[in-house]
Each structure stands twice: as structure tokens, then as C-alpha cells.
Amino acid sequence: MSNIDERVLKMVAEQLGVKEEDVKPDSSFVDDLGA
């Protein structure tokens, strides 16, 4: 995974209050992450 991808996934996890390992490139914001 590229550095940009990793940074985006980290930001998404921080903003949604979920674990970084729960955020994957194919995760759905609503269905998987509860946004």
C-alpha cells in the first residue's frame, strides 16, 4: 500500500473513532465503519 493510502486510512480511523485495522480499502463508510 502506498504512503498516501496509509495516511488516508489512518485519518479515516481517527475521524470515525475506529481501529486502524478495521479500515480497509474496500470498507463501506456506512455498513462497515458506522459513519
N, C-alpha and C. Protein backbone atom coordinates (compact mmCIF):
# COMPACT_ATOMS: atom_id res chain seq x y z
N MET A 1 0.85 -1.17 0.00
CA MET A 1 0.00 0.00 0.00
C MET A 1 0.90 1.23 0.00
N SER A 2 0.48 2.26 -0.72
CA SER A 2 1.30 3.47 -0.79
C SER A 2 1.18 4.29 0.48
N ASN A 3 2.12 5.17 0.65
CA ASN A 3 2.14 6.04 1.82
C ASN A 3 0.86 6.87 1.90
N ILE A 4 0.38 7.34 0.76
CA ILE A 4 -0.85 8.15 0.76
C ILE A 4 -2.03 7.31 1.22
N ASP A 5 -2.13 6.09 0.73
CA ASP A 5 -3.22 5.20 1.16
C ASP A 5 -3.20 4.99 2.67
N GLU A 6 -2.03 4.74 3.21
CA GLU A 6 -1.89 4.52 4.65
C GLU A 6 -2.31 5.75 5.43
N ARG A 7 -1.92 6.92 4.94
CA ARG A 7 -2.27 8.17 5.64
C ARG A 7 -3.77 8.41 5.61
N VAL A 8 -4.41 8.13 4.48
CA VAL A 8 -5.86 8.32 4.37
C VAL A 8 -6.59 7.35 5.30
N LEU A 9 -6.18 6.09 5.31
CA LEU A 9 -6.83 5.11 6.19
C LEU A 9 -6.66 5.50 7.66
N LYS A 10 -5.49 6.02 8.02
CA LYS A 10 -5.26 6.46 9.39
C LYS A 10 -6.17 7.63 9.75
N MET A 11 -6.31 8.59 8.84
CA MET A 11 -7.18 9.75 9.09
C MET A 11 -8.63 9.32 9.22
N VAL A 12 -9.07 8.41 8.37
CA VAL A 12 -10.45 7.92 8.43
C VAL A 12 -10.70 7.26 9.78
N ALA A 13 -9.77 6.42 10.22
CA ALA A 13 -9.91 5.74 11.50
C ALA A 13 -9.98 6.74 12.65
N GLU A 14 -9.12 7.75 12.62
CA GLU A 14 -9.12 8.75 13.68
C GLU A 14 -10.43 9.53 13.70
N GLN A 15 -10.91 9.95 12.54
CA GLN A 15 -12.12 10.76 12.47
C GLN A 15 -13.37 9.98 12.86
N LEU A 16 -13.40 8.69 12.55
CA LEU A 16 -14.58 7.88 12.86
C LEU A 16 -14.48 7.17 14.20
N GLY A 17 -13.32 7.24 14.83
CA GLY A 17 -13.15 6.61 16.13
C GLY A 17 -13.14 5.09 16.06
N VAL A 18 -12.57 4.55 14.99
CA VAL A 18 -12.46 3.10 14.85
C VAL A 18 -10.99 2.71 14.82
N LYS A 19 -10.72 1.42 14.98
CA LYS A 19 -9.34 0.94 14.93
C LYS A 19 -8.82 0.99 13.50
N GLU A 20 -7.54 1.31 13.36
CA GLU A 20 -6.95 1.37 12.03
C GLU A 20 -7.07 0.05 11.29
N GLU A 21 -6.95 -1.06 12.00
CA GLU A 21 -7.02 -2.36 11.32
C GLU A 21 -8.42 -2.68 10.82
N ASP A 22 -9.45 -1.94 11.31
CA ASP A 22 -10.81 -2.14 10.82
C ASP A 22 -11.08 -1.40 9.52
N VAL A 23 -10.22 -0.45 9.19
CA VAL A 23 -10.39 0.34 7.97
C VAL A 23 -9.57 -0.30 6.86
N LYS A 24 -10.26 -0.71 5.82
CA LYS A 24 -9.61 -1.35 4.68
C LYS A 24 -10.02 -0.61 3.41
N PRO A 25 -9.25 -0.74 2.35
CA PRO A 25 -9.59 -0.03 1.11
C PRO A 25 -10.99 -0.33 0.59
N ASP A 26 -11.53 -1.50 0.89
CA ASP A 26 -12.86 -1.84 0.40
C ASP A 26 -13.95 -1.68 1.47
N SER A 27 -13.64 -1.01 2.58
CA SER A 27 -14.62 -0.80 3.64
C SER A 27 -15.68 0.20 3.19
N SER A 28 -16.91 -0.06 3.60
CA SER A 28 -18.00 0.87 3.36
C SER A 28 -18.11 1.80 4.57
N PHE A 29 -18.19 3.11 4.31
CA PHE A 29 -18.28 4.05 5.42
C PHE A 29 -19.49 3.75 6.30
N VAL A 30 -20.62 3.47 5.71
CA VAL A 30 -21.84 3.26 6.48
C VAL A 30 -21.93 1.83 7.00
N ASP A 31 -21.80 0.86 6.13
CA ASP A 31 -22.02 -0.54 6.52
C ASP A 31 -20.93 -1.09 7.42
N ASP A 32 -19.67 -0.79 7.12
CA ASP A 32 -18.56 -1.38 7.87
C ASP A 32 -18.04 -0.49 8.99
N LEU A 33 -18.11 0.82 8.80
CA LEU A 33 -17.47 1.73 9.75
C LEU A 33 -18.46 2.53 10.59
N GLY A 34 -19.74 2.41 10.31
CA GLY A 34 -20.76 3.06 11.12
C GLY A 34 -20.80 4.57 11.00
N ALA A 35 -20.40 5.11 9.86
CA ALA A 35 -20.41 6.57 9.67
C ALA A 35 -21.80 7.06 9.34
